[in-house]
Amino acid sequence: MTQQPHQQPDLGPDDGIILYDGVCVFCSRWVRFVLERDVARRFRFTPIQSPYGLSLAVALGIDPQDPDTNAVIIGGEALRRSDAALAVLSNLPHWGWVGLLRRVPRPIRDGVYNFIARNRYRVFGRHETCDLGPKPFANRIIFAAPPRGRTKADEQKM
């Protein structure tokens, strides 16, 4: 699949947010994997099925009815497909070495990513409703967009 060109939206205080398919078993496992290793609590998550996830998907040019990628916002930049996965992994303790995989040409990395994305429901299954993750991490799953002007640091103080 080719990425549709889209204008980079104003991502405001959304730094560190990971957009994922909440009904995808593989995607939910990915969220749990990151949650358990992100001791610095850098990342927060929003399922594409939530109001915030839906608006973020639309802003990033991702079809919310047929999401073919996850996305992460780091430093105000939206990353998708293999770039997103590698950026997240390389920011986790003991996983920095994964950043070396960025040397693999993107068409090859995204080819592997797209193959997994196309087959994820068939191979891993699908939840009937959105998986909200383990209860201890519930405060890191975001459903409504944070008000503009409030930063991630402000949210952590709450």
N, C-alpha and C. Protein backbone atom coordinates (compact mmCIF):
# COMPACT_ATOMS: atom_id res chain seq x y z
N MET A 1 0.84 -1.18 0.00
CA MET A 1 0.00 0.00 0.00
C MET A 1 0.87 1.23 0.00
N THR A 2 0.46 2.21 -0.72
CA THR A 2 1.22 3.45 -0.74
C THR A 2 0.63 4.42 0.25
N GLN A 3 1.51 5.20 0.82
CA GLN A 3 1.04 6.19 1.76
C GLN A 3 0.49 7.37 1.00
N GLN A 4 -0.67 7.84 1.40
CA GLN A 4 -1.26 9.02 0.80
C GLN A 4 -0.56 10.24 1.37
N PRO A 5 -0.18 11.18 0.51
CA PRO A 5 0.43 12.39 1.05
C PRO A 5 -0.59 13.16 1.88
N HIS A 6 -0.14 13.69 2.95
CA HIS A 6 -1.02 14.47 3.80
C HIS A 6 -0.22 15.58 4.46
N GLN A 7 -0.91 16.65 4.78
CA GLN A 7 -0.27 17.76 5.45
C GLN A 7 -0.03 17.39 6.90
N GLN A 8 1.13 17.72 7.39
CA GLN A 8 1.45 17.45 8.79
C GLN A 8 0.57 18.34 9.67
N PRO A 9 -0.33 17.73 10.47
CA PRO A 9 -1.21 18.55 11.31
C PRO A 9 -0.45 19.16 12.48
N ASP A 10 -1.08 20.15 13.10
CA ASP A 10 -0.54 20.70 14.33
C ASP A 10 -0.76 19.67 15.43
N LEU A 11 0.31 19.02 15.87
CA LEU A 11 0.17 17.93 16.82
C LEU A 11 0.25 18.38 18.26
N GLY A 12 0.52 19.64 18.47
CA GLY A 12 0.43 20.23 19.81
C GLY A 12 1.07 19.41 20.90
N PRO A 13 0.34 19.20 22.00
CA PRO A 13 0.91 18.53 23.16
C PRO A 13 0.85 17.01 23.08
N ASP A 14 0.68 16.46 21.88
CA ASP A 14 0.45 15.03 21.73
C ASP A 14 1.73 14.20 21.69
N ASP A 15 2.85 14.79 22.01
CA ASP A 15 4.12 14.09 21.95
C ASP A 15 4.08 12.81 22.80
N GLY A 16 4.55 11.73 22.21
CA GLY A 16 4.61 10.46 22.93
C GLY A 16 3.34 9.64 22.83
N ILE A 17 2.40 10.04 21.98
CA ILE A 17 1.15 9.28 21.86
C ILE A 17 1.30 8.23 20.75
N ILE A 18 0.85 7.03 21.04
CA ILE A 18 0.86 5.94 20.07
C ILE A 18 -0.58 5.63 19.70
N LEU A 19 -0.88 5.72 18.42
CA LEU A 19 -2.19 5.38 17.88
C LEU A 19 -2.16 3.91 17.48
N TYR A 20 -3.13 3.13 17.96
CA TYR A 20 -3.14 1.70 17.65
C TYR A 20 -4.56 1.21 17.39
N ASP A 21 -4.67 0.06 16.77
CA ASP A 21 -5.96 -0.58 16.48
C ASP A 21 -6.36 -1.38 17.72
N GLY A 22 -7.34 -0.88 18.46
CA GLY A 22 -7.73 -1.48 19.73
C GLY A 22 -8.42 -2.82 19.64
N VAL A 23 -8.90 -3.21 18.46
CA VAL A 23 -9.55 -4.52 18.33
C VAL A 23 -8.58 -5.58 17.79
N CYS A 24 -7.40 -5.18 17.40
CA CYS A 24 -6.39 -6.09 16.88
C CYS A 24 -5.62 -6.73 18.04
N VAL A 25 -5.62 -8.06 18.11
CA VAL A 25 -4.93 -8.77 19.19
C VAL A 25 -3.43 -8.48 19.14
N PHE A 26 -2.84 -8.51 17.95
CA PHE A 26 -1.41 -8.23 17.81
C PHE A 26 -1.09 -6.81 18.30
N CYS A 27 -1.91 -5.85 17.90
CA CYS A 27 -1.68 -4.45 18.29
C CYS A 27 -1.82 -4.27 19.80
N SER A 28 -2.79 -4.96 20.40
CA SER A 28 -2.97 -4.88 21.85
C SER A 28 -1.77 -5.48 22.58
N ARG A 29 -1.22 -6.55 22.04
CA ARG A 29 0.00 -7.13 22.64
C ARG A 29 1.17 -6.18 22.51
N TRP A 30 1.23 -5.46 21.39
CA TRP A 30 2.28 -4.45 21.18
C TRP A 30 2.17 -3.38 22.27
N VAL A 31 0.96 -2.91 22.54
CA VAL A 31 0.75 -1.90 23.58
C VAL A 31 1.22 -2.43 24.93
N ARG A 32 0.84 -3.65 25.27
CA ARG A 32 1.27 -4.24 26.55
C ARG A 32 2.79 -4.36 26.62
N PHE A 33 3.41 -4.78 25.52
CA PHE A 33 4.86 -4.90 25.46
C PHE A 33 5.52 -3.56 25.79
N VAL A 34 5.03 -2.50 25.15
CA VAL A 34 5.62 -1.17 25.39
C VAL A 34 5.32 -0.69 26.81
N LEU A 35 4.08 -0.86 27.26
CA LEU A 35 3.71 -0.43 28.62
C LEU A 35 4.61 -1.06 29.68
N GLU A 36 4.87 -2.34 29.55
CA GLU A 36 5.67 -3.05 30.56
C GLU A 36 7.13 -2.63 30.56
N ARG A 37 7.62 -2.09 29.47
CA ARG A 37 9.04 -1.74 29.36
C ARG A 37 9.31 -0.24 29.43
N ASP A 38 8.29 0.57 29.27
CA ASP A 38 8.44 2.02 29.25
C ASP A 38 8.46 2.57 30.68
N VAL A 39 9.53 2.29 31.39
CA VAL A 39 9.64 2.71 32.79
C VAL A 39 9.68 4.23 32.94
N ALA A 40 10.12 4.92 31.91
CA ALA A 40 10.15 6.39 31.95
C ALA A 40 8.78 6.99 31.68
N ARG A 41 7.82 6.15 31.32
CA ARG A 41 6.45 6.57 31.03
C ARG A 41 6.41 7.63 29.93
N ARG A 42 7.24 7.45 28.94
CA ARG A 42 7.30 8.39 27.82
C ARG A 42 6.07 8.30 26.93
N PHE A 43 5.55 7.09 26.78
CA PHE A 43 4.48 6.87 25.82
C PHE A 43 3.11 6.74 26.47
N ARG A 44 2.10 7.25 25.76
CA ARG A 44 0.71 7.06 26.08
C ARG A 44 0.06 6.49 24.83
N PHE A 45 -1.14 6.02 24.95
CA PHE A 45 -1.75 5.26 23.87
C PHE A 45 -3.18 5.71 23.64
N THR A 46 -3.61 5.64 22.39
CA THR A 46 -5.00 5.91 22.07
C THR A 46 -5.46 4.92 21.01
N PRO A 47 -6.53 4.18 21.33
CA PRO A 47 -7.06 3.26 20.31
C PRO A 47 -7.76 4.06 19.21
N ILE A 48 -7.60 3.60 17.99
CA ILE A 48 -8.22 4.28 16.86
C ILE A 48 -9.74 4.31 16.99
N GLN A 49 -10.29 3.42 17.82
CA GLN A 49 -11.74 3.36 18.02
C GLN A 49 -12.25 4.40 19.02
N SER A 50 -11.36 5.14 19.66
CA SER A 50 -11.77 6.18 20.62
C SER A 50 -11.97 7.50 19.87
N PRO A 51 -12.68 8.46 20.49
CA PRO A 51 -12.86 9.76 19.84
C PRO A 51 -11.51 10.43 19.50
N TYR A 52 -10.57 10.38 20.44
CA TYR A 52 -9.26 10.98 20.19
C TYR A 52 -8.51 10.22 19.11
N GLY A 53 -8.53 8.89 19.18
CA GLY A 53 -7.85 8.08 18.17
C GLY A 53 -8.41 8.32 16.79
N LEU A 54 -9.72 8.43 16.70
CA LEU A 54 -10.38 8.69 15.42
C LEU A 54 -9.93 10.03 14.84
N SER A 55 -9.93 11.07 15.67
CA SER A 55 -9.53 12.40 15.17
C SER A 55 -8.05 12.41 14.79
N LEU A 56 -7.23 11.71 15.55
CA LEU A 56 -5.80 11.66 15.24
C LEU A 56 -5.58 10.88 13.95
N ALA A 57 -6.28 9.77 13.77
CA ALA A 57 -6.16 8.98 12.54
C ALA A 57 -6.52 9.83 11.33
N VAL A 58 -7.63 10.54 11.41
CA VAL A 58 -8.06 11.38 10.30
C VAL A 58 -7.01 12.45 10.01
N ALA A 59 -6.48 13.08 11.05
CA ALA A 59 -5.46 14.12 10.87
C ALA A 59 -4.20 13.57 10.23
N LEU A 60 -3.91 12.28 10.47
CA LEU A 60 -2.70 11.67 9.93
C LEU A 60 -2.94 10.95 8.61
N GLY A 61 -4.17 10.98 8.11
CA GLY A 61 -4.47 10.34 6.83
C GLY A 61 -4.58 8.83 6.92
N ILE A 62 -4.94 8.31 8.09
CA ILE A 62 -5.12 6.87 8.29
C ILE A 62 -6.61 6.58 8.27
N ASP A 63 -7.03 5.61 7.47
CA ASP A 63 -8.44 5.24 7.37
C ASP A 63 -8.86 4.55 8.67
N PRO A 64 -9.72 5.17 9.49
CA PRO A 64 -10.10 4.55 10.76
C PRO A 64 -10.92 3.27 10.59
N GLN A 65 -11.56 3.08 9.43
CA GLN A 65 -12.33 1.87 9.19
C GLN A 65 -11.44 0.71 8.77
N ASP A 66 -10.26 1.01 8.24
CA ASP A 66 -9.33 -0.02 7.78
C ASP A 66 -7.90 0.44 8.05
N PRO A 67 -7.55 0.56 9.33
CA PRO A 67 -6.21 1.09 9.64
C PRO A 67 -5.13 0.12 9.18
N ASP A 68 -4.20 0.62 8.40
CA ASP A 68 -3.12 -0.23 7.89
C ASP A 68 -1.79 0.06 8.57
N THR A 69 -1.82 0.89 9.61
CA THR A 69 -0.59 1.24 10.30
C THR A 69 -0.91 1.75 11.70
N ASN A 70 0.09 1.66 12.56
CA ASN A 70 0.01 2.40 13.81
C ASN A 70 0.80 3.68 13.57
N ALA A 71 0.80 4.55 14.53
CA ALA A 71 1.55 5.80 14.39
C ALA A 71 2.02 6.22 15.78
N VAL A 72 3.10 6.97 15.80
CA VAL A 72 3.58 7.54 17.05
C VAL A 72 4.01 8.97 16.75
N ILE A 73 3.80 9.84 17.72
CA ILE A 73 4.25 11.22 17.58
C ILE A 73 5.41 11.42 18.54
N ILE A 74 6.54 11.76 17.95
CA ILE A 74 7.76 12.00 18.73
C ILE A 74 8.36 13.31 18.26
N GLY A 75 8.57 14.21 19.20
CA GLY A 75 9.16 15.51 18.85
C GLY A 75 8.32 16.29 17.86
N GLY A 76 6.99 16.13 17.92
CA GLY A 76 6.10 16.85 17.02
C GLY A 76 6.01 16.25 15.63
N GLU A 77 6.69 15.14 15.40
CA GLU A 77 6.65 14.49 14.08
C GLU A 77 5.88 13.17 14.18
N ALA A 78 4.99 12.96 13.23
CA ALA A 78 4.22 11.72 13.17
C ALA A 78 4.99 10.69 12.36
N LEU A 79 5.22 9.55 12.98
CA LEU A 79 5.90 8.44 12.30
C LEU A 79 4.91 7.31 12.12
N ARG A 80 5.04 6.60 11.01
CA ARG A 80 4.13 5.50 10.71
C ARG A 80 4.93 4.27 10.31
N ARG A 81 4.24 3.15 10.25
CA ARG A 81 4.78 1.86 9.81
C ARG A 81 6.07 1.52 10.56
N SER A 82 7.07 1.05 9.82
CA SER A 82 8.29 0.59 10.48
C SER A 82 9.02 1.72 11.20
N ASP A 83 8.93 2.93 10.67
CA ASP A 83 9.57 4.07 11.35
C ASP A 83 8.99 4.24 12.76
N ALA A 84 7.67 4.09 12.89
CA ALA A 84 7.02 4.23 14.20
C ALA A 84 7.47 3.12 15.14
N ALA A 85 7.43 1.89 14.67
CA ALA A 85 7.80 0.75 15.52
C ALA A 85 9.25 0.87 15.98
N LEU A 86 10.15 1.21 15.07
CA LEU A 86 11.56 1.32 15.43
C LEU A 86 11.81 2.49 16.38
N ALA A 87 11.11 3.59 16.18
CA ALA A 87 11.28 4.75 17.07
C ALA A 87 10.83 4.40 18.48
N VAL A 88 9.70 3.72 18.61
CA VAL A 88 9.21 3.34 19.93
C VAL A 88 10.18 2.37 20.59
N LEU A 89 10.52 1.31 19.89
CA LEU A 89 11.42 0.29 20.47
C LEU A 89 12.76 0.89 20.88
N SER A 90 13.32 1.74 20.03
CA SER A 90 14.65 2.28 20.34
C SER A 90 14.62 3.26 21.52
N ASN A 91 13.43 3.68 21.95
CA ASN A 91 13.31 4.54 23.13
C ASN A 91 13.03 3.77 24.41
N LEU A 92 12.98 2.45 24.32
CA LEU A 92 12.75 1.62 25.51
C LEU A 92 14.09 1.15 26.07
N PRO A 93 14.20 1.01 27.40
CA PRO A 93 15.44 0.52 27.99
C PRO A 93 15.83 -0.84 27.40
N HIS A 94 17.09 -0.98 27.08
CA HIS A 94 17.68 -2.22 26.56
C HIS A 94 17.26 -2.53 25.12
N TRP A 95 16.54 -1.63 24.48
CA TRP A 95 16.11 -1.86 23.10
C TRP A 95 16.69 -0.82 22.15
N GLY A 96 17.61 0.00 22.59
CA GLY A 96 18.20 1.03 21.73
C GLY A 96 18.86 0.47 20.49
N TRP A 97 19.37 -0.75 20.57
CA TRP A 97 20.03 -1.39 19.43
C TRP A 97 19.10 -1.52 18.22
N VAL A 98 17.79 -1.53 18.46
CA VAL A 98 16.83 -1.67 17.37
C VAL A 98 16.95 -0.51 16.38
N GLY A 99 17.41 0.63 16.86
CA GLY A 99 17.60 1.78 15.98
C GLY A 99 18.52 1.48 14.81
N LEU A 100 19.39 0.50 14.96
CA LEU A 100 20.27 0.11 13.85
C LEU A 100 19.48 -0.40 12.65
N LEU A 101 18.28 -0.90 12.89
CA LEU A 101 17.46 -1.42 11.80
C LEU A 101 16.99 -0.31 10.86
N ARG A 102 17.15 0.94 11.27
CA ARG A 102 16.81 2.05 10.37
C ARG A 102 17.73 2.07 9.15
N ARG A 103 18.85 1.38 9.24
CA ARG A 103 19.77 1.30 8.09
C ARG A 103 19.23 0.40 6.99
N VAL A 104 18.29 -0.47 7.35
CA VAL A 104 17.63 -1.29 6.33
C VAL A 104 16.74 -0.33 5.53
N PRO A 105 16.80 -0.40 4.21
CA PRO A 105 15.99 0.53 3.41
C PRO A 105 14.50 0.45 3.78
N ARG A 106 13.88 1.62 3.85
CA ARG A 106 12.48 1.72 4.26
C ARG A 106 11.56 0.84 3.41
N PRO A 107 11.71 0.75 2.10
CA PRO A 107 10.80 -0.12 1.34
C PRO A 107 10.84 -1.58 1.81
N ILE A 108 11.99 -2.05 2.24
CA ILE A 108 12.09 -3.42 2.75
C ILE A 108 11.42 -3.51 4.11
N ARG A 109 11.75 -2.56 5.01
CA ARG A 109 11.14 -2.56 6.35
C ARG A 109 9.63 -2.45 6.26
N ASP A 110 9.16 -1.51 5.44
CA ASP A 110 7.72 -1.31 5.31
C ASP A 110 7.05 -2.48 4.60
N GLY A 111 7.77 -3.16 3.74
CA GLY A 111 7.22 -4.36 3.11
C GLY A 111 6.91 -5.43 4.14
N VAL A 112 7.83 -5.64 5.07
CA VAL A 112 7.61 -6.60 6.15
C VAL A 112 6.46 -6.11 7.04
N TYR A 113 6.49 -4.83 7.39
CA TYR A 113 5.44 -4.25 8.22
C TYR A 113 4.07 -4.43 7.56
N ASN A 114 3.98 -4.10 6.28
CA ASN A 114 2.70 -4.19 5.57
C ASN A 114 2.20 -5.62 5.48
N PHE A 115 3.10 -6.58 5.32
CA PHE A 115 2.70 -7.99 5.28
C PHE A 115 2.05 -8.39 6.61
N ILE A 116 2.68 -8.01 7.70
CA ILE A 116 2.13 -8.32 9.03
C ILE A 116 0.80 -7.59 9.22
N ALA A 117 0.74 -6.32 8.85
CA ALA A 117 -0.49 -5.53 9.02
C ALA A 117 -1.66 -6.13 8.23
N ARG A 118 -1.39 -6.57 7.02
CA ARG A 118 -2.46 -7.15 6.18
C ARG A 118 -3.00 -8.46 6.74
N ASN A 119 -2.17 -9.20 7.46
CA ASN A 119 -2.53 -10.54 7.93
C ASN A 119 -2.77 -10.61 9.43
N ARG A 120 -2.75 -9.49 10.13
CA ARG A 120 -2.79 -9.49 11.60
C ARG A 120 -4.07 -10.09 12.16
N TYR A 121 -5.22 -9.80 11.59
CA TYR A 121 -6.47 -10.37 12.11
C TYR A 121 -6.53 -11.87 11.87
N ARG A 122 -6.11 -12.29 10.69
CA ARG A 122 -6.17 -13.71 10.35
C ARG A 122 -5.22 -14.53 11.22
N VAL A 123 -4.03 -14.03 11.47
CA VAL A 123 -3.02 -14.79 12.21
C VAL A 123 -3.21 -14.66 13.73
N PHE A 124 -3.45 -13.45 14.20
CA PHE A 124 -3.48 -13.21 15.65
C PHE A 124 -4.89 -13.09 16.22
N GLY A 125 -5.86 -12.78 15.39
CA GLY A 125 -7.22 -12.65 15.86
C GLY A 125 -7.63 -11.21 16.08
N ARG A 126 -8.87 -11.10 16.55
CA ARG A 126 -9.48 -9.79 16.71
C ARG A 126 -10.38 -9.82 17.94
N HIS A 127 -10.35 -8.74 18.73
CA HIS A 127 -11.24 -8.60 19.88
C HIS A 127 -12.61 -8.13 19.39
N GLU A 128 -13.65 -8.49 20.11
CA GLU A 128 -14.99 -8.00 19.78
C GLU A 128 -15.12 -6.52 20.11
N THR A 129 -14.48 -6.11 21.20
CA THR A 129 -14.50 -4.70 21.59
C THR A 129 -13.06 -4.26 21.79
N CYS A 130 -12.87 -2.98 21.92
CA CYS A 130 -11.53 -2.41 22.07
C CYS A 130 -10.87 -2.91 23.35
N ASP A 131 -9.64 -3.41 23.21
CA ASP A 131 -8.86 -3.85 24.37
C ASP A 131 -8.24 -2.61 25.00
N LEU A 132 -8.54 -2.39 26.26
CA LEU A 132 -8.09 -1.19 26.95
C LEU A 132 -6.81 -1.39 27.73
N GLY A 133 -6.20 -2.54 27.62
CA GLY A 133 -4.95 -2.78 28.31
C GLY A 133 -5.14 -3.16 29.76
N PRO A 134 -4.03 -3.52 30.43
CA PRO A 134 -4.10 -3.91 31.83
C PRO A 134 -4.48 -2.74 32.74
N LYS A 135 -5.25 -3.02 33.77
CA LYS A 135 -5.74 -1.97 34.68
C LYS A 135 -4.64 -1.09 35.28
N PRO A 136 -3.47 -1.65 35.66
CA PRO A 136 -2.45 -0.75 36.24
C PRO A 136 -2.00 0.36 35.29
N PHE A 137 -2.27 0.19 34.00
CA PHE A 137 -1.82 1.18 33.02
C PHE A 137 -2.96 2.00 32.46
N ALA A 138 -4.14 1.89 33.04
CA ALA A 138 -5.33 2.56 32.51
C ALA A 138 -5.13 4.06 32.33
N ASN A 139 -4.35 4.70 33.18
CA ASN A 139 -4.17 6.15 33.07
C ASN A 139 -3.28 6.53 31.88
N ARG A 140 -2.73 5.56 31.19
CA ARG A 140 -1.90 5.86 30.02
C ARG A 140 -2.64 5.60 28.71
N ILE A 141 -3.89 5.17 28.81
CA ILE A 141 -4.74 4.99 27.64
C ILE A 141 -5.63 6.22 27.55
N ILE A 142 -5.51 6.97 26.48
CA ILE A 142 -6.18 8.26 26.33
C ILE A 142 -7.35 8.11 25.36
N PHE A 143 -8.53 8.56 25.76
CA PHE A 143 -9.72 8.47 24.90
C PHE A 143 -10.14 9.82 24.34
N ALA A 144 -9.93 10.87 25.11
CA ALA A 144 -10.30 12.22 24.67
C ALA A 144 -9.03 13.03 24.47
N ALA A 145 -9.04 13.88 23.48
CA ALA A 145 -7.87 14.70 23.18
C ALA A 145 -7.54 15.61 24.35
N PRO A 146 -6.24 15.71 24.69
CA PRO A 146 -5.88 16.66 25.75
C PRO A 146 -6.14 18.07 25.26
N PRO A 147 -6.59 18.94 26.14
CA PRO A 147 -6.84 20.33 25.73
C PRO A 147 -5.55 20.96 25.22
N ARG A 148 -5.66 21.74 24.19
CA ARG A 148 -4.49 22.44 23.64
C ARG A 148 -3.92 23.36 24.71
N GLY A 149 -2.62 23.44 24.74
CA GLY A 149 -1.96 24.29 25.72
C GLY A 149 -1.53 23.51 26.94
N ARG A 150 -2.07 22.31 27.14
CA ARG A 150 -1.64 21.47 28.27
C ARG A 150 -0.64 20.47 27.74
N THR A 151 0.45 20.29 28.44
CA THR A 151 1.50 19.41 27.99
C THR A 151 1.45 18.08 28.70
N LYS A 152 2.24 17.14 28.21
CA LYS A 152 2.33 15.82 28.84
C LYS A 152 2.82 15.98 30.28
N ALA A 153 3.74 16.90 30.53
CA ALA A 153 4.25 17.13 31.88
C ALA A 153 3.12 17.59 32.80
N ASP A 154 2.23 18.43 32.26
CA ASP A 154 1.08 18.88 33.07
C ASP A 154 0.20 17.70 33.43
N GLU A 155 -0.03 16.79 32.48
CA GLU A 155 -0.88 15.62 32.74
C GLU A 155 -0.27 14.71 33.80
N GLN A 156 1.06 14.57 33.79
CA GLN A 156 1.72 13.69 34.76
C GLN A 156 1.64 14.24 36.17
N LYS A 157 1.47 15.54 36.30
CA LYS A 157 1.33 16.15 37.63
C LYS A 157 -0.02 15.84 38.24
N MET A 158 -1.00 15.53 37.38
CA MET A 158 -2.36 15.30 37.85
C MET A 158 -2.50 13.97 38.54
